[in-house]
Amino acid sequence: MSDVDLIPSSYRRLQSHIRLLKNLAVAVVVIVMIAGMVLLYLNHEITQLHAEVAEFQKKKNITVRQNEQLVGLQEAKTKYGNQLELLNKLRRGATVGSMFQVIDNALADENLWFLQLRMTRADVLVVQGVKPQPTSNTGKSAPVADKEKGIEMIIKGQAQDYETLSRFVSNLLDQPEIKGVRVLNSSLRHYTTSSVVDFNLSVDVRQEGA
């Protein structure tokens, strides 16, 4: 006896379509999940890439600023180097600090005081080995005839007496850095119980190589 199929063919087709739709739905869900995971991964990679780009840009900006600072420092170094070279040319080897040491070496005692010290580059009178000795209250010294470009140091001060001033001038002339000394003027100032000698000296500082 042959089997009789009691299930209509239309029902079978419907079931087949339902299974197909289920499988398709599952496939769509899987695809959506995979797409979501890929999207999350891509978002993470994009975020990381943006962070790396921002870090690179930050380092680039720092490098640019450092280069600008380096250029500025090099320009400042060149500028100050030129100024220092010019200053050294103007000083011709003599510095204020070295002159203080020279003056300190020339001080034989403490009976002499300085009121002002000035260094200038100008025409200075050259003393040809003459040590001026003040012979009167006018303080005039032996005349000199020659002039040249050099460093002139003007010293204004007071001494206890003419002997102290003369000793200081002689000690200055004994210093190798000093080429000549002139007493521009001097005068005796009287007080109630004492007196001092006001003086102005012009000191010719020896130039480098001279």
C-alpha atoms as a PDB file:
ATOM      1  CA  MET A   1       0.000   0.000   0.000  1.00  0.00           C
ATOM      2  CA  SER A   2       1.557   3.312  -1.113  1.00  0.00           C
ATOM      3  CA  ASP A   3       1.957   6.209   1.269  1.00  0.00           C
ATOM      4  CA  VAL A   4      -0.385   9.074   0.773  1.00  0.00           C
ATOM      5  CA  ASP A   5       1.110  12.583   1.261  1.00  0.00           C
ATOM      6  CA  LEU A   6      -1.489  14.458   3.190  1.00  0.00           C
ATOM      7  CA  ILE A   7       0.599  17.723   3.420  1.00  0.00           C
ATOM      8  CA  PRO A   8      -0.331  20.095   0.676  1.00  0.00           C
ATOM      9  CA  SER A   9       2.450  21.266  -1.569  1.00  0.00           C
ATOM     10  CA  SER A  10       1.558  24.888  -0.835  1.00  0.00           C
ATOM     11  CA  TYR A  11       2.240  24.323   2.850  1.00  0.00           C
ATOM     12  CA  ARG A  12       5.574  22.771   2.051  1.00  0.00           C
ATOM     13  CA  ARG A  13       6.514  25.780  -0.079  1.00  0.00           C
ATOM     14  CA  LEU A  14       5.446  28.077   2.761  1.00  0.00           C
ATOM     15  CA  GLN A  15       7.631  26.208   5.244  1.00  0.00           C
ATOM     16  CA  SER A  16      10.504  26.339   2.810  1.00  0.00           C
ATOM     17  CA  HIS A  17      10.079  30.087   2.438  1.00  0.00           C
ATOM     18  CA  ILE A  18       9.892  30.498   6.212  1.00  0.00           C
ATOM     19  CA  ARG A  19      13.151  28.549   6.698  1.00  0.00           C
ATOM     20  CA  LEU A  20      14.750  30.608   3.953  1.00  0.00           C
ATOM     21  CA  LEU A  21      13.597  33.827   5.605  1.00  0.00           C
ATOM     22  CA  LYS A  22      14.903  32.627   8.985  1.00  0.00           C
ATOM     23  CA  ASN A  23      18.265  31.768   7.487  1.00  0.00           C
ATOM     24  CA  LEU A  24      18.316  35.119   5.716  1.00  0.00           C
ATOM     25  CA  ALA A  25      17.432  36.929   8.941  1.00  0.00           C
ATOM     26  CA  VAL A  26      20.215  35.125  10.788  1.00  0.00           C
ATOM     27  CA  ALA A  27      22.639  35.993   7.994  1.00  0.00           C
ATOM     28  CA  VAL A  28      21.544  39.632   8.124  1.00  0.00           C
ATOM     29  CA  VAL A  29      21.994  39.722  11.916  1.00  0.00           C
ATOM     30  CA  VAL A  30      25.454  38.176  11.600  1.00  0.00           C
ATOM     31  CA  ILE A  31      26.378  40.638   8.865  1.00  0.00           C
ATOM     32  CA  VAL A  32      25.090  43.536  10.966  1.00  0.00           C
ATOM     33  CA  MET A  33      27.056  42.325  13.979  1.00  0.00           C
ATOM     34  CA  ILE A  34      30.207  41.930  11.901  1.00  0.00           C
ATOM     35  CA  ALA A  35      29.649  45.364  10.343  1.00  0.00           C
ATOM     36  CA  GLY A  36      29.191  46.839  13.825  1.00  0.00           C
ATOM     37  CA  MET A  37      32.395  45.256  15.078  1.00  0.00           C
ATOM     38  CA  VAL A  38      34.263  46.464  11.995  1.00  0.00           C
ATOM     39  CA  LEU A  39      32.799  49.937  12.517  1.00  0.00           C
ATOM     40  CA  LEU A  40      33.898  49.950  16.161  1.00  0.00           C
ATOM     41  CA  TYR A  41      37.376  48.816  15.151  1.00  0.00           C
ATOM     42  CA  LEU A  42      37.574  51.466  12.445  1.00  0.00           C
ATOM     43  CA  ASN A  43      36.389  54.143  14.902  1.00  0.00           C
ATOM     44  CA  HIS A  44      39.082  53.048  17.370  1.00  0.00           C
ATOM     45  CA  GLU A  45      41.751  53.103  14.662  1.00  0.00           C
ATOM     46  CA  ILE A  46      40.576  56.513  13.412  1.00  0.00           C
ATOM     47  CA  THR A  47      40.622  57.900  16.972  1.00  0.00           C
ATOM     48  CA  GLN A  48      44.107  56.514  17.530  1.00  0.00           C
ATOM     49  CA  LEU A  49      45.230  57.903  14.184  1.00  0.00           C
ATOM     50  CA  HIS A  50      43.842  61.330  15.091  1.00  0.00           C
ATOM     51  CA  ALA A  51      45.703  61.163  18.416  1.00  0.00           C
ATOM     52  CA  GLU A  52      48.927  60.256  16.609  1.00  0.00           C
ATOM     53  CA  VAL A  53      48.393  63.079  14.112  1.00  0.00           C
ATOM     54  CA  ALA A  54      47.747  65.526  16.973  1.00  0.00           C
ATOM     55  CA  GLU A  55      50.888  64.316  18.788  1.00  0.00           C
ATOM     56  CA  PHE A  56      52.917  64.635  15.591  1.00  0.00           C
ATOM     57  CA  GLN A  57      51.554  68.122  15.012  1.00  0.00           C
ATOM     58  CA  LYS A  58      52.397  69.037  18.618  1.00  0.00           C
ATOM     59  CA  LYS A  59      55.962  67.779  18.193  1.00  0.00           C
ATOM     60  CA  LYS A  60      56.178  69.604  14.878  1.00  0.00           C
ATOM     61  CA  ASN A  61      55.026  72.847  16.514  1.00  0.00           C
ATOM     62  CA  ILE A  62      57.575  72.350  19.299  1.00  0.00           C
ATOM     63  CA  THR A  63      60.290  71.731  16.714  1.00  0.00           C
ATOM     64  CA  VAL A  64      59.268  74.849  14.790  1.00  0.00           C
ATOM     65  CA  ARG A  65      59.345  76.929  17.985  1.00  0.00           C
ATOM     66  CA  GLN A  66      62.718  75.466  18.925  1.00  0.00           C
ATOM     67  CA  ASN A  67      64.055  76.248  15.463  1.00  0.00           C
ATOM     68  CA  GLU A  68      62.736  79.792  15.763  1.00  0.00           C
ATOM     69  CA  GLN A  69      64.324  80.113  19.205  1.00  0.00           C
ATOM     70  CA  LEU A  70      67.583  78.691  17.843  1.00  0.00           C
ATOM     71  CA  VAL A  71      67.549  81.171  14.977  1.00  0.00           C
ATOM     72  CA  GLY A  72      66.805  83.971  17.463  1.00  0.00           C
ATOM     73  CA  LEU A  73      69.638  82.827  19.732  1.00  0.00           C
ATOM     74  CA  GLN A  74      72.031  82.634  16.781  1.00  0.00           C
ATOM     75  CA  GLU A  75      71.017  86.128  15.685  1.00  0.00           C
ATOM     76  CA  ALA A  76      71.419  87.401  19.260  1.00  0.00           C
ATOM     77  CA  LYS A  77      74.803  85.654  19.506  1.00  0.00           C
ATOM     78  CA  THR A  78      75.910  87.273  16.251  1.00  0.00           C
ATOM     79  CA  LYS A  79      74.599  90.648  17.393  1.00  0.00           C
ATOM     80  CA  TYR A  80      76.246  90.527  20.800  1.00  0.00           C
ATOM     81  CA  GLY A  81      79.383  89.052  19.268  1.00  0.00           C
ATOM     82  CA  ASN A  82      79.598  92.012  16.917  1.00  0.00           C
ATOM     83  CA  GLN A  83      78.962  94.390  19.795  1.00  0.00           C
ATOM     84  CA  LEU A  84      81.634  92.668  21.871  1.00  0.00           C
ATOM     85  CA  GLU A  85      84.076  92.826  18.977  1.00  0.00           C
ATOM     86  CA  LEU A  86      83.294  96.512  18.511  1.00  0.00           C
ATOM     87  CA  LEU A  87      83.642  97.113  22.238  1.00  0.00           C
ATOM     88  CA  ASN A  88      86.978  95.322  22.282  1.00  0.00           C
ATOM     89  CA  LYS A  89      88.128  97.424  19.363  1.00  0.00           C
ATOM     90  CA  LEU A  90      87.061 100.544  21.204  1.00  0.00           C
ATOM     91  CA  ARG A  91      88.794  99.419  24.357  1.00  0.00           C
ATOM     92  CA  ARG A  92      91.867  98.239  22.454  1.00  0.00           C
ATOM     93  CA  GLY A  93      92.611  95.623  25.075  1.00  0.00           C
ATOM     94  CA  ALA A  94      91.838  97.699  28.180  1.00  0.00           C
ATOM     95  CA  THR A  95      88.887  96.801  30.390  1.00  0.00           C
ATOM     96  CA  VAL A  96      87.344  98.622  33.300  1.00  0.00           C
ATOM     97  CA  GLY A  97      88.022  95.657  35.561  1.00  0.00           C
ATOM     98  CA  SER A  98      91.708  95.536  34.638  1.00  0.00           C
ATOM     99  CA  MET A  99      92.006  99.286  35.201  1.00  0.00           C
ATOM    100  CA  PHE A 100      90.609  98.933  38.713  1.00  0.00           C
ATOM    101  CA  GLN A 101      93.330  96.374  39.384  1.00  0.00           C
ATOM    102  CA  VAL A 102      95.974  98.706  37.918  1.00  0.00           C
ATOM    103  CA  ILE A 103      94.774 101.587  40.094  1.00  0.00           C
ATOM    104  CA  ASP A 104      94.712  99.350  43.155  1.00  0.00           C
ATOM    105  CA  ASN A 105      98.297  98.295  42.438  1.00  0.00           C
ATOM    106  CA  ALA A 106      99.331 101.952  42.191  1.00  0.00           C
ATOM    107  CA  LEU A 107      97.843 102.910  45.552  1.00  0.00           C
ATOM    108  CA  ALA A 108     100.723 103.168  47.980  1.00  0.00           C
ATOM    109  CA  ASP A 109      98.604 104.253  50.941  1.00  0.00           C
ATOM    110  CA  GLU A 110      95.044 105.118  51.919  1.00  0.00           C
ATOM    111  CA  ASN A 111      95.509 108.887  51.888  1.00  0.00           C
ATOM    112  CA  LEU A 112      94.004 109.254  48.421  1.00  0.00           C
ATOM    113  CA  TRP A 113      90.317 109.125  47.467  1.00  0.00           C
ATOM    114  CA  PHE A 114      88.546 108.821  44.115  1.00  0.00           C
ATOM    115  CA  LEU A 115      85.468 110.853  43.299  1.00  0.00           C
ATOM    116  CA  GLN A 116      85.022 109.901  39.646  1.00  0.00           C
ATOM    117  CA  LEU A 117      86.566 107.571  37.046  1.00  0.00           C
ATOM    118  CA  ARG A 118      85.765 107.675  33.336  1.00  0.00           C
ATOM    119  CA  MET A 119      87.199 105.808  30.354  1.00  0.00           C
ATOM    120  CA  THR A 120      86.821 107.145  26.803  1.00  0.00           C
ATOM    121  CA  ARG A 121      88.310 106.449  23.395  1.00  0.00           C
ATOM    122  CA  ALA A 122      89.645 109.728  22.064  1.00  0.00           C
ATOM    123  CA  ASP A 123      92.725 111.710  21.085  1.00  0.00           C
ATOM    124  CA  VAL A 124      95.050 111.434  24.041  1.00  0.00           C
ATOM    125  CA  LEU A 125      98.297 113.213  24.723  1.00  0.00           C
ATOM    126  CA  VAL A 126     101.286 110.890  24.756  1.00  0.00           C
ATOM    127  CA  VAL A 127     103.780 111.334  27.556  1.00  0.00           C
ATOM    128  CA  GLN A 128     107.203 110.318  26.308  1.00  0.00           C
ATOM    129  CA  GLY A 129     108.453 108.704  29.497  1.00  0.00           C
ATOM    130  CA  VAL A 130     108.057 111.900  31.526  1.00  0.00           C
ATOM    131  CA  LYS A 131     106.785 111.562  35.073  1.00  0.00           C
ATOM    132  CA  PRO A 132     105.036 114.869  35.845  1.00  0.00           C
ATOM    133  CA  GLN A 133     105.814 116.306  39.264  1.00  0.00           C
ATOM    134  CA  PRO A 134     103.428 119.018  40.508  1.00  0.00           C
ATOM    135  CA  THR A 135     105.558 121.984  41.504  1.00  0.00           C
ATOM    136  CA  SER A 136     102.908 124.449  42.609  1.00  0.00           C
ATOM    137  CA  ASN A 137      99.300 124.777  43.595  1.00  0.00           C
ATOM    138  CA  THR A 138      98.392 125.076  39.902  1.00  0.00           C
ATOM    139  CA  GLY A 139      99.471 121.481  39.420  1.00  0.00           C
ATOM    140  CA  LYS A 140     101.024 122.142  35.983  1.00  0.00           C
ATOM    141  CA  SER A 141     103.280 119.418  34.623  1.00  0.00           C
ATOM    142  CA  ALA A 142     105.796 119.177  31.808  1.00  0.00           C
ATOM    143  CA  PRO A 143     104.238 119.895  28.367  1.00  0.00           C
ATOM    144  CA  VAL A 144     103.806 117.151  25.776  1.00  0.00           C
ATOM    145  CA  ALA A 145     103.531 117.523  22.028  1.00  0.00           C
ATOM    146  CA  ASP A 146     102.238 114.319  20.442  1.00  0.00           C
ATOM    147  CA  LYS A 147      98.698 112.936  20.108  1.00  0.00           C
ATOM    148  CA  GLU A 148      97.226 109.613  19.000  1.00  0.00           C
ATOM    149  CA  LYS A 149      94.007 107.626  19.160  1.00  0.00           C
ATOM    150  CA  GLY A 150      93.757 105.617  22.363  1.00  0.00           C
ATOM    151  CA  ILE A 151      91.975 105.014  25.638  1.00  0.00           C
ATOM    152  CA  GLU A 152      91.934 107.916  28.035  1.00  0.00           C
ATOM    153  CA  MET A 153      91.024 107.383  31.650  1.00  0.00           C
ATOM    154  CA  ILE A 154      90.028 110.465  33.637  1.00  0.00           C
ATOM    155  CA  ILE A 155      90.472 110.199  37.403  1.00  0.00           C
ATOM    156  CA  LYS A 156      89.018 112.837  39.680  1.00  0.00           C
ATOM    157  CA  GLY A 157      89.822 112.646  43.373  1.00  0.00           C
ATOM    158  CA  GLN A 158      91.504 114.024  46.455  1.00  0.00           C
ATOM    159  CA  ALA A 159      94.887 113.379  48.062  1.00  0.00           C
ATOM    160  CA  GLN A 160      96.181 114.181  51.529  1.00  0.00           C
ATOM    161  CA  ASP A 161      98.981 116.299  50.042  1.00  0.00           C
ATOM    162  CA  TYR A 162     101.011 116.837  46.881  1.00  0.00           C
ATOM    163  CA  GLU A 163     103.542 114.235  47.928  1.00  0.00           C
ATOM    164  CA  THR A 164     100.791 111.588  48.058  1.00  0.00           C
ATOM    165  CA  LEU A 165      99.520 112.676  44.635  1.00  0.00           C
ATOM    166  CA  SER A 166     103.022 112.611  43.158  1.00  0.00           C
ATOM    167  CA  ARG A 167     103.650 109.137  44.557  1.00  0.00           C
ATOM    168  CA  PHE A 168     100.377 107.877  43.097  1.00  0.00           C
ATOM    169  CA  VAL A 169     101.223 109.330  39.656  1.00  0.00           C
ATOM    170  CA  SER A 170     104.676 107.715  39.769  1.00  0.00           C
ATOM    171  CA  ASN A 171     103.189 104.372  40.773  1.00  0.00           C
ATOM    172  CA  LEU A 172     100.710 104.585  37.903  1.00  0.00           C
ATOM    173  CA  LEU A 173     103.535 105.186  35.437  1.00  0.00           C
ATOM    174  CA  ASP A 174     105.296 102.117  36.791  1.00  0.00           C
ATOM    175  CA  GLN A 175     102.342  99.926  35.767  1.00  0.00           C
ATOM    176  CA  PRO A 176     102.878  98.179  32.379  1.00  0.00           C
ATOM    177  CA  GLU A 177      99.282  98.932  31.324  1.00  0.00           C
ATOM    178  CA  ILE A 178      99.829 102.692  31.640  1.00  0.00           C
ATOM    179  CA  LYS A 179     101.561 104.643  28.890  1.00  0.00           C
ATOM    180  CA  GLY A 180     101.410 108.130  30.363  1.00  0.00           C
ATOM    181  CA  VAL A 181      99.820 110.305  33.039  1.00  0.00           C
ATOM    182  CA  ARG A 182      99.038 114.016  33.009  1.00  0.00           C
ATOM    183  CA  VAL A 183      97.845 116.135  35.902  1.00  0.00           C
ATOM    184  CA  LEU A 184      95.109 118.216  34.291  1.00  0.00           C
ATOM    185  CA  ASN A 185      94.695 120.412  37.339  1.00  0.00           C
ATOM    186  CA  SER A 186      95.150 120.355  41.092  1.00  0.00           C
ATOM    187  CA  SER A 187      94.376 122.725  43.917  1.00  0.00           C
ATOM    188  CA  LEU A 188      94.822 122.822  47.670  1.00  0.00           C
ATOM    189  CA  ARG A 189      91.550 122.858  49.573  1.00  0.00           C
ATOM    190  CA  HIS A 190      91.766 124.134  53.161  1.00  0.00           C
ATOM    191  CA  TYR A 191      89.535 123.027  56.004  1.00  0.00           C
ATOM    192  CA  THR A 192      89.476 124.158  59.644  1.00  0.00           C
ATOM    193  CA  THR A 193      92.045 121.654  60.886  1.00  0.00           C
ATOM    194  CA  SER A 194      93.365 120.060  57.686  1.00  0.00           C
ATOM    195  CA  SER A 195      93.689 120.412  53.934  1.00  0.00           C
ATOM    196  CA  VAL A 196      93.430 118.125  50.870  1.00  0.00           C
ATOM    197  CA  VAL A 197      94.558 118.346  47.268  1.00  0.00           C
ATOM    198  CA  ASP A 198      91.808 118.186  44.659  1.00  0.00           C
ATOM    199  CA  PHE A 199      93.123 116.723  41.404  1.00  0.00           C
ATOM    200  CA  ASN A 200      92.157 115.604  37.907  1.00  0.00           C
ATOM    201  CA  LEU A 201      94.370 113.094  36.103  1.00  0.00           C
ATOM    202  CA  SER A 202      94.398 112.066  32.466  1.00  0.00           C
ATOM    203  CA  VAL A 203      95.764 108.538  32.149  1.00  0.00           C
ATOM    204  CA  ASP A 204      96.851 107.197  28.752  1.00  0.00           C
ATOM    205  CA  VAL A 205      96.091 103.454  28.782  1.00  0.00           C
ATOM    206  CA  ARG A 206      98.541 101.373  26.795  1.00  0.00           C
ATOM    207  CA  GLN A 207      96.905  99.892  23.700  1.00  0.00           C
ATOM    208  CA  GLU A 208      97.176  96.228  22.871  1.00  0.00           C
ATOM    209  CA  GLY A 209     100.442  95.581  21.106  1.00  0.00           C
ATOM    210  CA  ALA A 210     101.757  99.069  21.904  1.00  0.00           C
END
